[in-house]
Amino acid sequence: MDNVIVLIASPEVRGLPAIAEKVKRFVGASALRWLAAGEACEMVTGAAAAGLELALREEFPGLPLDIAVMPAAGRRKRLLVADMDSTMIAQECIDELAILAGVGPEVSAITARTMQGELEFETSLRERLSLMAGLELDLIADLVAATRYTPGGRTLVQTMKAHGSYTALVSGGFTPFTGHVAAVLGFDEHRANELMAEGGKLTGRCREPILGRNAKIGALKELTRRLDLRPDQTLAVGDGANDIDMIDAAGLGVAFHAKPVVRERAAVRIDHADLTALLYIQGYAKAEFVL
């Protein structure tokens, strides 16, 4: 079975055409297709996928260049399930809430350990929320409005939708954020945890059961069944340990600017480019992007 190699250069990379020709010779590919001039290209090879990405990274060390290797067939996916914090948006919402509550360092330390897989997500979320009891809901609304988006996110969602895909934002974060982010980026649906409040202030709890690692893979499987898709028609992307299971289960699992524990498990890792890289790895040319 043929495999495709996709090369995606960061803006600071110069000379991608020359690098691409070297890769082409290295793997014995017969042709080179440019997806975006000087930015992204692909080539089909009969070389076995096992170890190919690592071999290419060793051949071109130190370059801010993303290299993806995957089967050439069935690349365009019909379902996108995306994590939110540090994936579709450039922040961890619970850490931002903690800063407002005056417990930023304590909560961010727990978040970091959780995303590395050192702490169980559901337990750590309860612990972090308990530290924020009393935070006023009005402050949360201001924080939601100031959300910082990861470049390329809206283009990713809108382009996949324009080509018939269903898109879902599934987060271990909170519904005030996912509702806003889903609306801005154009997701078909969103799922997250519901914060509990009394008298206009957080109680320090969220509604059970908590949406965490198991719920994310559960959402992927449920949506696959609902849409009558095969598992190989799905794409999942995330950055933290609670995304690993859904990334493993997807037809194409992508670790996006992810923690080491996630990069080691994902079929594809994007370390340098923005979210439009997920379109290139599906074979979309830049001319097809919906901006």
C-alpha atoms as a PDB file:
ATOM      1  CA  MET A   1       0.000   0.000   0.000  1.00  0.00           C
ATOM      2  CA  ASP A   2       1.316   3.421  -0.947  1.00  0.00           C
ATOM      3  CA  ASN A   3       2.029   6.047   1.679  1.00  0.00           C
ATOM      4  CA  VAL A   4       2.068   9.802   1.357  1.00  0.00           C
ATOM      5  CA  ILE A   5       4.650  12.112   2.911  1.00  0.00           C
ATOM      6  CA  VAL A   6       3.600  15.682   3.652  1.00  0.00           C
ATOM      7  CA  LEU A   7       6.178  18.371   4.380  1.00  0.00           C
ATOM      8  CA  ILE A   8       4.995  21.613   5.998  1.00  0.00           C
ATOM      9  CA  ALA A   9       7.458  24.421   6.563  1.00  0.00           C
ATOM     10  CA  SER A  10       7.317  27.094   9.213  1.00  0.00           C
ATOM     11  CA  PRO A  11       7.700  30.658   7.873  1.00  0.00           C
ATOM     12  CA  GLU A  12      11.342  30.759   8.981  1.00  0.00           C
ATOM     13  CA  VAL A  13      12.256  27.741   6.833  1.00  0.00           C
ATOM     14  CA  ARG A  14      13.917  28.742   3.589  1.00  0.00           C
ATOM     15  CA  GLY A  15      14.520  26.470   0.649  1.00  0.00           C
ATOM     16  CA  LEU A  16      11.696  23.956   1.104  1.00  0.00           C
ATOM     17  CA  PRO A  17      11.774  23.091  -2.629  1.00  0.00           C
ATOM     18  CA  ALA A  18      15.386  21.917  -2.298  1.00  0.00           C
ATOM     19  CA  ILE A  19      14.577  19.957   0.869  1.00  0.00           C
ATOM     20  CA  ALA A  20      11.553  18.403  -0.834  1.00  0.00           C
ATOM     21  CA  GLU A  21      13.675  17.205  -3.743  1.00  0.00           C
ATOM     22  CA  LYS A  22      16.107  15.593  -1.321  1.00  0.00           C
ATOM     23  CA  VAL A  23      13.241  13.844   0.477  1.00  0.00           C
ATOM     24  CA  LYS A  24      11.844  12.709  -2.864  1.00  0.00           C
ATOM     25  CA  ARG A  25      15.156  11.073  -3.773  1.00  0.00           C
ATOM     26  CA  PHE A  26      15.591   9.644  -0.260  1.00  0.00           C
ATOM     27  CA  VAL A  27      12.242   7.774  -0.356  1.00  0.00           C
ATOM     28  CA  GLY A  28      12.188   7.025  -4.075  1.00  0.00           C
ATOM     29  CA  ALA A  29       9.004   8.995  -4.770  1.00  0.00           C
ATOM     30  CA  SER A  30       8.097   9.482  -8.417  1.00  0.00           C
ATOM     31  CA  ALA A  31       6.359  12.857  -8.218  1.00  0.00           C
ATOM     32  CA  LEU A  32       6.021  15.937  -6.024  1.00  0.00           C
ATOM     33  CA  ARG A  33       2.802  17.936  -5.577  1.00  0.00           C
ATOM     34  CA  TRP A  34       2.804  21.414  -4.106  1.00  0.00           C
ATOM     35  CA  LEU A  35      -0.140  22.164  -1.822  1.00  0.00           C
ATOM     36  CA  ALA A  36       1.080  25.719  -1.152  1.00  0.00           C
ATOM     37  CA  ALA A  37       4.069  27.179  -2.976  1.00  0.00           C
ATOM     38  CA  GLY A  38       7.143  27.114  -0.745  1.00  0.00           C
ATOM     39  CA  GLU A  39       5.043  26.118   2.280  1.00  0.00           C
ATOM     40  CA  ALA A  40       3.622  22.606   1.931  1.00  0.00           C
ATOM     41  CA  CYS A  41       4.037  19.703  -0.457  1.00  0.00           C
ATOM     42  CA  GLU A  42       3.332  15.992  -0.667  1.00  0.00           C
ATOM     43  CA  MET A  43       4.695  12.930  -2.430  1.00  0.00           C
ATOM     44  CA  VAL A  44       3.580   9.327  -2.717  1.00  0.00           C
ATOM     45  CA  THR A  45       6.005   6.525  -1.972  1.00  0.00           C
ATOM     46  CA  GLY A  46       5.893   2.771  -1.882  1.00  0.00           C
ATOM     47  CA  ALA A  47       8.269   2.776   1.079  1.00  0.00           C
ATOM     48  CA  ALA A  48       6.934   1.175   4.250  1.00  0.00           C
ATOM     49  CA  ALA A  49       5.570   3.672   6.780  1.00  0.00           C
ATOM     50  CA  ALA A  50       7.217   2.038   9.805  1.00  0.00           C
ATOM     51  CA  GLY A  51      10.194   4.126  10.848  1.00  0.00           C
ATOM     52  CA  LEU A  52       9.960   6.404   7.802  1.00  0.00           C
ATOM     53  CA  GLU A  53       9.040   9.574   9.703  1.00  0.00           C
ATOM     54  CA  LEU A  54      11.874   9.021  12.193  1.00  0.00           C
ATOM     55  CA  ALA A  55      14.322   8.381   9.368  1.00  0.00           C
ATOM     56  CA  LEU A  56      13.316  11.627   7.689  1.00  0.00           C
ATOM     57  CA  ARG A  57      13.605  13.605  10.915  1.00  0.00           C
ATOM     58  CA  GLU A  58      17.099  12.199  11.424  1.00  0.00           C
ATOM     59  CA  GLU A  59      17.991  13.071   7.829  1.00  0.00           C
ATOM     60  CA  PHE A  60      16.913  16.697   8.316  1.00  0.00           C
ATOM     61  CA  PRO A  61      17.591  17.439  12.000  1.00  0.00           C
ATOM     62  CA  GLY A  62      16.934  20.751  13.687  1.00  0.00           C
ATOM     63  CA  LEU A  63      14.687  22.240  11.012  1.00  0.00           C
ATOM     64  CA  PRO A  64      11.330  23.735  12.077  1.00  0.00           C
ATOM     65  CA  LEU A  65       9.696  21.433   9.555  1.00  0.00           C
ATOM     66  CA  ASP A  66       6.662  19.200  10.136  1.00  0.00           C
ATOM     67  CA  ILE A  67       6.783  15.762   8.504  1.00  0.00           C
ATOM     68  CA  ALA A  68       3.701  13.553   8.317  1.00  0.00           C
ATOM     69  CA  VAL A  69       3.561  10.012   6.928  1.00  0.00           C
ATOM     70  CA  MET A  70       0.232   8.251   6.386  1.00  0.00           C
ATOM     71  CA  PRO A  71      -1.606   5.925   3.989  1.00  0.00           C
ATOM     72  CA  ALA A  72      -2.290   7.615   0.660  1.00  0.00           C
ATOM     73  CA  ALA A  73      -5.865   6.314   0.506  1.00  0.00           C
ATOM     74  CA  GLY A  74      -8.784   7.846   2.401  1.00  0.00           C
ATOM     75  CA  ARG A  75      -7.003  10.925   3.659  1.00  0.00           C
ATOM     76  CA  ARG A  76      -9.912  13.357   3.702  1.00  0.00           C
ATOM     77  CA  LYS A  77     -11.871  12.767   6.880  1.00  0.00           C
ATOM     78  CA  ARG A  78     -15.610  13.183   7.451  1.00  0.00           C
ATOM     79  CA  LEU A  79     -15.495  13.941  11.183  1.00  0.00           C
ATOM     80  CA  LEU A  80     -13.269  16.327  13.130  1.00  0.00           C
ATOM     81  CA  VAL A  81     -13.194  16.034  16.922  1.00  0.00           C
ATOM     82  CA  ALA A  82     -10.990  18.719  18.434  1.00  0.00           C
ATOM     83  CA  ASP A  83      -9.755  19.559  21.899  1.00  0.00           C
ATOM     84  CA  MET A  84     -10.083  23.227  22.837  1.00  0.00           C
ATOM     85  CA  ASP A  85      -7.491  24.468  25.349  1.00  0.00           C
ATOM     86  CA  SER A  86      -4.004  24.880  23.834  1.00  0.00           C
ATOM     87  CA  THR A  87      -5.354  23.351  20.620  1.00  0.00           C
ATOM     88  CA  MET A  88      -8.128  25.443  19.076  1.00  0.00           C
ATOM     89  CA  ILE A  89      -7.362  28.316  21.451  1.00  0.00           C
ATOM     90  CA  ALA A  90      -4.009  29.568  22.682  1.00  0.00           C
ATOM     91  CA  GLN A  91      -4.646  29.258  26.416  1.00  0.00           C
ATOM     92  CA  GLU A  92      -5.766  26.958  29.223  1.00  0.00           C
ATOM     93  CA  CYS A  93      -9.077  28.415  30.374  1.00  0.00           C
ATOM     94  CA  ILE A  94      -8.939  26.963  33.855  1.00  0.00           C
ATOM     95  CA  ASP A  95      -5.561  28.611  34.396  1.00  0.00           C
ATOM     96  CA  GLU A  96      -7.000  31.944  33.252  1.00  0.00           C
ATOM     97  CA  LEU A  97      -9.903  31.535  35.668  1.00  0.00           C
ATOM     98  CA  ALA A  98      -7.453  30.740  38.443  1.00  0.00           C
ATOM     99  CA  ILE A  99      -5.556  33.971  37.847  1.00  0.00           C
ATOM    100  CA  LEU A 100      -8.797  35.908  38.304  1.00  0.00           C
ATOM    101  CA  ALA A 101      -9.468  33.953  41.501  1.00  0.00           C
ATOM    102  CA  GLY A 102      -5.989  34.720  42.845  1.00  0.00           C
ATOM    103  CA  VAL A 103      -4.807  31.100  42.778  1.00  0.00           C
ATOM    104  CA  GLY A 104      -2.988  31.096  39.433  1.00  0.00           C
ATOM    105  CA  PRO A 105       0.312  29.418  40.394  1.00  0.00           C
ATOM    106  CA  GLU A 106      -1.366  26.644  42.375  1.00  0.00           C
ATOM    107  CA  VAL A 107      -3.802  25.763  39.612  1.00  0.00           C
ATOM    108  CA  SER A 108      -1.349  26.071  36.692  1.00  0.00           C
ATOM    109  CA  ALA A 109       1.025  23.652  38.443  1.00  0.00           C
ATOM    110  CA  ILE A 110      -1.777  21.080  38.743  1.00  0.00           C
ATOM    111  CA  THR A 111      -2.811  21.679  35.110  1.00  0.00           C
ATOM    112  CA  ALA A 112       0.719  21.093  33.840  1.00  0.00           C
ATOM    113  CA  ARG A 113       1.021  17.794  35.703  1.00  0.00           C
ATOM    114  CA  THR A 114      -2.403  16.701  34.479  1.00  0.00           C
ATOM    115  CA  MET A 115      -1.643  17.442  30.815  1.00  0.00           C
ATOM    116  CA  GLN A 116       1.610  15.481  31.124  1.00  0.00           C
ATOM    117  CA  GLY A 117      -0.394  12.497  32.353  1.00  0.00           C
ATOM    118  CA  GLU A 118       0.953  12.587  35.921  1.00  0.00           C
ATOM    119  CA  LEU A 119      -2.478  13.187  37.511  1.00  0.00           C
ATOM    120  CA  GLU A 120      -5.900  11.700  36.794  1.00  0.00           C
ATOM    121  CA  PHE A 121      -7.970  14.356  35.007  1.00  0.00           C
ATOM    122  CA  GLU A 122     -11.280  14.120  36.854  1.00  0.00           C
ATOM    123  CA  THR A 123      -9.681  14.263  40.312  1.00  0.00           C
ATOM    124  CA  SER A 124      -7.402  17.139  39.382  1.00  0.00           C
ATOM    125  CA  LEU A 125     -10.285  19.117  37.881  1.00  0.00           C
ATOM    126  CA  ARG A 126     -12.273  18.837  41.100  1.00  0.00           C
ATOM    127  CA  GLU A 127      -9.216  19.959  43.070  1.00  0.00           C
ATOM    128  CA  ARG A 128      -8.580  22.951  40.827  1.00  0.00           C
ATOM    129  CA  LEU A 129     -12.199  24.070  40.832  1.00  0.00           C
ATOM    130  CA  SER A 130     -12.414  23.875  44.615  1.00  0.00           C
ATOM    131  CA  LEU A 131      -9.708  26.550  44.787  1.00  0.00           C
ATOM    132  CA  MET A 132     -11.869  28.951  42.762  1.00  0.00           C
ATOM    133  CA  ALA A 133     -15.050  28.933  44.828  1.00  0.00           C
ATOM    134  CA  GLY A 134     -16.479  32.445  45.054  1.00  0.00           C
ATOM    135  CA  LEU A 135     -15.259  33.706  41.677  1.00  0.00           C
ATOM    136  CA  GLU A 136     -17.876  36.050  40.175  1.00  0.00           C
ATOM    137  CA  LEU A 137     -19.579  34.903  36.973  1.00  0.00           C
ATOM    138  CA  ASP A 138     -19.336  38.385  35.424  1.00  0.00           C
ATOM    139  CA  LEU A 139     -15.557  38.052  35.414  1.00  0.00           C
ATOM    140  CA  ILE A 140     -15.850  34.762  33.525  1.00  0.00           C
ATOM    141  CA  ALA A 141     -17.880  36.465  30.785  1.00  0.00           C
ATOM    142  CA  ASP A 142     -15.114  39.047  30.341  1.00  0.00           C
ATOM    143  CA  LEU A 143     -12.522  36.286  30.099  1.00  0.00           C
ATOM    144  CA  VAL A 144     -14.555  34.387  27.488  1.00  0.00           C
ATOM    145  CA  ALA A 145     -14.803  37.512  25.354  1.00  0.00           C
ATOM    146  CA  ALA A 146     -10.998  37.873  25.457  1.00  0.00           C
ATOM    147  CA  THR A 147     -10.305  34.326  24.158  1.00  0.00           C
ATOM    148  CA  ARG A 148      -7.113  34.019  22.119  1.00  0.00           C
ATOM    149  CA  TYR A 149      -7.414  31.750  19.087  1.00  0.00           C
ATOM    150  CA  THR A 150      -4.811  29.464  17.585  1.00  0.00           C
ATOM    151  CA  PRO A 151      -3.990  30.590  14.016  1.00  0.00           C
ATOM    152  CA  GLY A 152      -5.648  28.536  11.321  1.00  0.00           C
ATOM    153  CA  GLY A 153      -8.483  27.182  13.456  1.00  0.00           C
ATOM    154  CA  ARG A 154     -11.409  28.815  11.685  1.00  0.00           C
ATOM    155  CA  THR A 155      -9.943  27.921   8.291  1.00  0.00           C
ATOM    156  CA  LEU A 156      -9.603  24.282   9.380  1.00  0.00           C
ATOM    157  CA  VAL A 157     -13.202  24.053  10.577  1.00  0.00           C
ATOM    158  CA  GLN A 158     -14.773  25.981   7.703  1.00  0.00           C
ATOM    159  CA  THR A 159     -12.832  24.137   5.005  1.00  0.00           C
ATOM    160  CA  MET A 160     -13.715  20.696   6.351  1.00  0.00           C
ATOM    161  CA  LYS A 161     -17.379  21.700   6.698  1.00  0.00           C
ATOM    162  CA  ALA A 162     -17.426  23.059   3.148  1.00  0.00           C
ATOM    163  CA  HIS A 163     -16.310  19.617   1.971  1.00  0.00           C
ATOM    164  CA  GLY A 164     -19.002  17.747   3.888  1.00  0.00           C
ATOM    165  CA  SER A 165     -17.359  17.025   7.241  1.00  0.00           C
ATOM    166  CA  TYR A 166     -18.971  17.285  10.670  1.00  0.00           C
ATOM    167  CA  THR A 167     -17.023  19.168  13.339  1.00  0.00           C
ATOM    168  CA  ALA A 168     -17.219  18.853  17.122  1.00  0.00           C
ATOM    169  CA  LEU A 169     -15.379  20.719  19.862  1.00  0.00           C
ATOM    170  CA  VAL A 170     -14.954  18.358  22.826  1.00  0.00           C
ATOM    171  CA  SER A 171     -13.226  19.809  25.869  1.00  0.00           C
ATOM    172  CA  GLY A 172     -12.442  19.033  29.481  1.00  0.00           C
ATOM    173  CA  GLY A 173     -12.948  22.768  29.974  1.00  0.00           C
ATOM    174  CA  PHE A 174     -16.207  24.622  30.467  1.00  0.00           C
ATOM    175  CA  THR A 175     -19.321  25.363  28.429  1.00  0.00           C
ATOM    176  CA  PRO A 176     -19.100  29.194  28.608  1.00  0.00           C
ATOM    177  CA  PHE A 177     -15.852  28.907  26.668  1.00  0.00           C
ATOM    178  CA  THR A 178     -16.769  26.075  24.288  1.00  0.00           C
ATOM    179  CA  GLY A 179     -20.068  27.725  23.372  1.00  0.00           C
ATOM    180  CA  HIS A 180     -18.287  30.946  22.430  1.00  0.00           C
ATOM    181  CA  VAL A 181     -15.379  29.257  20.651  1.00  0.00           C
ATOM    182  CA  ALA A 182     -17.668  26.910  18.708  1.00  0.00           C
ATOM    183  CA  ALA A 183     -19.737  29.867  17.516  1.00  0.00           C
ATOM    184  CA  VAL A 184     -16.722  31.929  16.467  1.00  0.00           C
ATOM    185  CA  LEU A 185     -14.940  29.092  14.655  1.00  0.00           C
ATOM    186  CA  GLY A 186     -18.084  27.467  13.244  1.00  0.00           C
ATOM    187  CA  PHE A 187     -18.134  24.039  14.925  1.00  0.00           C
ATOM    188  CA  ASP A 188     -21.331  22.051  14.464  1.00  0.00           C
ATOM    189  CA  GLU A 189     -21.479  21.210  18.172  1.00  0.00           C
ATOM    190  CA  HIS A 190     -19.572  21.517  21.416  1.00  0.00           C
ATOM    191  CA  ARG A 191     -19.283  19.497  24.619  1.00  0.00           C
ATOM    192  CA  ALA A 192     -17.646  20.482  27.909  1.00  0.00           C
ATOM    193  CA  ASN A 193     -18.148  20.636  31.657  1.00  0.00           C
ATOM    194  CA  GLU A 194     -20.860  22.785  33.202  1.00  0.00           C
ATOM    195  CA  LEU A 195     -19.754  25.087  36.004  1.00  0.00           C
ATOM    196  CA  MET A 196     -22.039  25.319  39.015  1.00  0.00           C
ATOM    197  CA  ALA A 197     -22.849  28.670  40.581  1.00  0.00           C
ATOM    198  CA  GLU A 198     -24.947  30.195  43.335  1.00  0.00           C
ATOM    199  CA  GLY A 199     -25.677  33.862  43.854  1.00  0.00           C
ATOM    200  CA  GLY A 200     -23.657  34.816  40.790  1.00  0.00           C
ATOM    201  CA  LYS A 201     -20.504  33.088  42.047  1.00  0.00           C
ATOM    202  CA  LEU A 202     -18.799  29.759  41.400  1.00  0.00           C
ATOM    203  CA  THR A 203     -19.422  27.058  43.984  1.00  0.00           C
ATOM    204  CA  GLY A 204     -16.089  25.401  43.232  1.00  0.00           C
ATOM    205  CA  ARG A 205     -17.770  22.413  41.579  1.00  0.00           C
ATOM    206  CA  CYS A 206     -19.030  21.375  38.156  1.00  0.00           C
ATOM    207  CA  ARG A 207     -21.902  19.122  37.191  1.00  0.00           C
ATOM    208  CA  GLU A 208     -21.110  15.408  37.297  1.00  0.00           C
ATOM    209  CA  PRO A 209     -20.112  13.304  35.482  1.00  0.00           C
ATOM    210  CA  ILE A 210     -17.006  15.202  34.483  1.00  0.00           C
ATOM    211  CA  LEU A 211     -16.110  15.244  30.803  1.00  0.00           C
ATOM    212  CA  GLY A 212     -12.536  14.003  30.731  1.00  0.00           C
ATOM    213  CA  ARG A 213     -10.393  11.415  28.998  1.00  0.00           C
ATOM    214  CA  ASN A 214     -13.058   8.695  28.803  1.00  0.00           C
ATOM    215  CA  ALA A 215     -15.761  11.107  27.699  1.00  0.00           C
ATOM    216  CA  LYS A 216     -13.588  12.375  24.840  1.00  0.00           C
ATOM    217  CA  ILE A 217     -13.104   8.972  23.263  1.00  0.00           C
ATOM    218  CA  GLY A 218     -16.751   8.287  24.028  1.00  0.00           C
ATOM    219  CA  ALA A 219     -17.749  11.378  22.062  1.00  0.00           C
ATOM    220  CA  LEU A 220     -15.616  10.294  19.109  1.00  0.00           C
ATOM    221  CA  LYS A 221     -17.214   6.847  19.030  1.00  0.00           C
ATOM    222  CA  GLU A 222     -20.754   8.150  19.556  1.00  0.00           C
ATOM    223  CA  LEU A 223     -20.407  10.713  16.741  1.00  0.00           C
ATOM    224  CA  THR A 224     -18.905   8.093  14.434  1.00  0.00           C
ATOM    225  CA  ARG A 225     -21.948   5.880  14.995  1.00  0.00           C
ATOM    226  CA  ARG A 226     -24.449   8.729  14.762  1.00  0.00           C
ATOM    227  CA  LEU A 227     -23.021   9.910  11.436  1.00  0.00           C
ATOM    228  CA  ASP A 228     -22.770   6.328  10.124  1.00  0.00           C
ATOM    229  CA  LEU A 229     -19.034   6.644   9.502  1.00  0.00           C
ATOM    230  CA  ARG A 230     -16.187   4.181   9.644  1.00  0.00           C
ATOM    231  CA  PRO A 231     -13.474   4.819  12.267  1.00  0.00           C
ATOM    232  CA  ASP A 232     -10.944   5.461   9.482  1.00  0.00           C
ATOM    233  CA  GLN A 233     -13.044   8.456   8.345  1.00  0.00           C
ATOM    234  CA  THR A 234     -12.388  10.361  11.584  1.00  0.00           C
ATOM    235  CA  LEU A 235      -9.791  12.920  12.657  1.00  0.00           C
ATOM    236  CA  ALA A 236      -9.000  13.820  16.272  1.00  0.00           C
ATOM    237  CA  VAL A 237      -6.587  16.507  17.436  1.00  0.00           C
ATOM    238  CA  GLY A 238      -5.358  17.519  20.876  1.00  0.00           C
ATOM    239  CA  ASP A 239      -2.334  18.339  22.975  1.00  0.00           C
ATOM    240  CA  GLY A 240      -2.733  16.825  26.457  1.00  0.00           C
ATOM    241  CA  ALA A 241      -2.814  13.425  28.137  1.00  0.00           C
ATOM    242  CA  ASN A 242      -6.622  13.397  28.322  1.00  0.00           C
ATOM    243  CA  ASP A 243      -6.666  13.503  24.492  1.00  0.00           C
ATOM    244  CA  ILE A 244      -4.547  10.373  24.010  1.00  0.00           C
ATOM    245  CA  ASP A 245      -7.361   7.818  23.832  1.00  0.00           C
ATOM    246  CA  MET A 246      -9.386   9.719  21.249  1.00  0.00           C
ATOM    247  CA  ILE A 247      -6.235  10.382  19.216  1.00  0.00           C
ATOM    248  CA  ASP A 248      -5.425   6.663  19.323  1.00  0.00           C
ATOM    249  CA  ALA A 249      -8.959   5.701  18.271  1.00  0.00           C
ATOM    250  CA  ALA A 250      -9.330   8.138  15.364  1.00  0.00           C
ATOM    251  CA  GLY A 251      -8.577   7.203  11.786  1.00  0.00           C
ATOM    252  CA  LEU A 252      -6.076  10.055  11.859  1.00  0.00           C
ATOM    253  CA  GLY A 253      -4.848  11.144  15.288  1.00  0.00           C
ATOM    254  CA  VAL A 254      -2.845  14.364  15.478  1.00  0.00           C
ATOM    255  CA  ALA A 255      -0.764  15.695  18.360  1.00  0.00           C
ATOM    256  CA  PHE A 256      -0.782  19.471  17.899  1.00  0.00           C
ATOM    257  CA  HIS A 257       2.045  21.365  19.655  1.00  0.00           C
ATOM    258  CA  ALA A 258       1.548  18.649  22.220  1.00  0.00           C
ATOM    259  CA  LYS A 259       3.058  17.374  25.427  1.00  0.00           C
ATOM    260  CA  PRO A 260       5.768  14.699  24.979  1.00  0.00           C
ATOM    261  CA  VAL A 261       3.497  11.898  26.217  1.00  0.00           C
ATOM    262  CA  VAL A 262       1.044  12.747  23.413  1.00  0.00           C
ATOM    263  CA  ARG A 263       3.639  13.233  20.660  1.00  0.00           C
ATOM    264  CA  GLU A 264       4.971   9.754  21.355  1.00  0.00           C
ATOM    265  CA  ARG A 265       1.553   8.146  20.794  1.00  0.00           C
ATOM    266  CA  ALA A 266       0.039  10.078  17.890  1.00  0.00           C
ATOM    267  CA  ALA A 267       0.232   8.874  14.294  1.00  0.00           C
ATOM    268  CA  VAL A 268       0.983  12.450  13.212  1.00  0.00           C
ATOM    269  CA  ARG A 269       2.549  15.289  15.178  1.00  0.00           C
ATOM    270  CA  ILE A 270       2.505  18.961  14.246  1.00  0.00           C
ATOM    271  CA  ASP A 271       5.153  20.820  16.209  1.00  0.00           C
ATOM    272  CA  HIS A 272       5.684  23.999  14.169  1.00  0.00           C
ATOM    273  CA  ALA A 273       2.871  24.876  11.738  1.00  0.00           C
ATOM    274  CA  ASP A 274      -0.563  26.273  12.603  1.00  0.00           C
ATOM    275  CA  LEU A 275      -3.874  24.413  12.424  1.00  0.00           C
ATOM    276  CA  THR A 276      -4.048  24.610   8.624  1.00  0.00           C
ATOM    277  CA  ALA A 277      -1.453  21.811   8.737  1.00  0.00           C
ATOM    278  CA  LEU A 278      -4.398  19.468   9.423  1.00  0.00           C
ATOM    279  CA  LEU A 279      -5.765  20.414   6.006  1.00  0.00           C
ATOM    280  CA  TYR A 280      -2.468  19.824   4.239  1.00  0.00           C
ATOM    281  CA  ILE A 281      -2.099  16.379   5.778  1.00  0.00           C
ATOM    282  CA  GLN A 282      -5.557  15.533   4.393  1.00  0.00           C
ATOM    283  CA  GLY A 283      -4.430  16.564   0.920  1.00  0.00           C
ATOM    284  CA  TYR A 284      -6.149  19.951   0.701  1.00  0.00           C
ATOM    285  CA  ALA A 285      -4.342  22.553  -1.379  1.00  0.00           C
ATOM    286  CA  LYS A 286      -4.248  26.128  -0.096  1.00  0.00           C
ATOM    287  CA  ALA A 287      -6.461  27.183  -3.014  1.00  0.00           C
ATOM    288  CA  GLU A 288      -9.231  25.040  -1.485  1.00  0.00           C
ATOM    289  CA  PHE A 289      -9.106  26.711   1.928  1.00  0.00           C
ATOM    290  CA  VAL A 290     -12.212  28.535   3.150  1.00  0.00           C
ATOM    291  CA  LEU A 291     -10.882  31.598   4.947  1.00  0.00           C
END
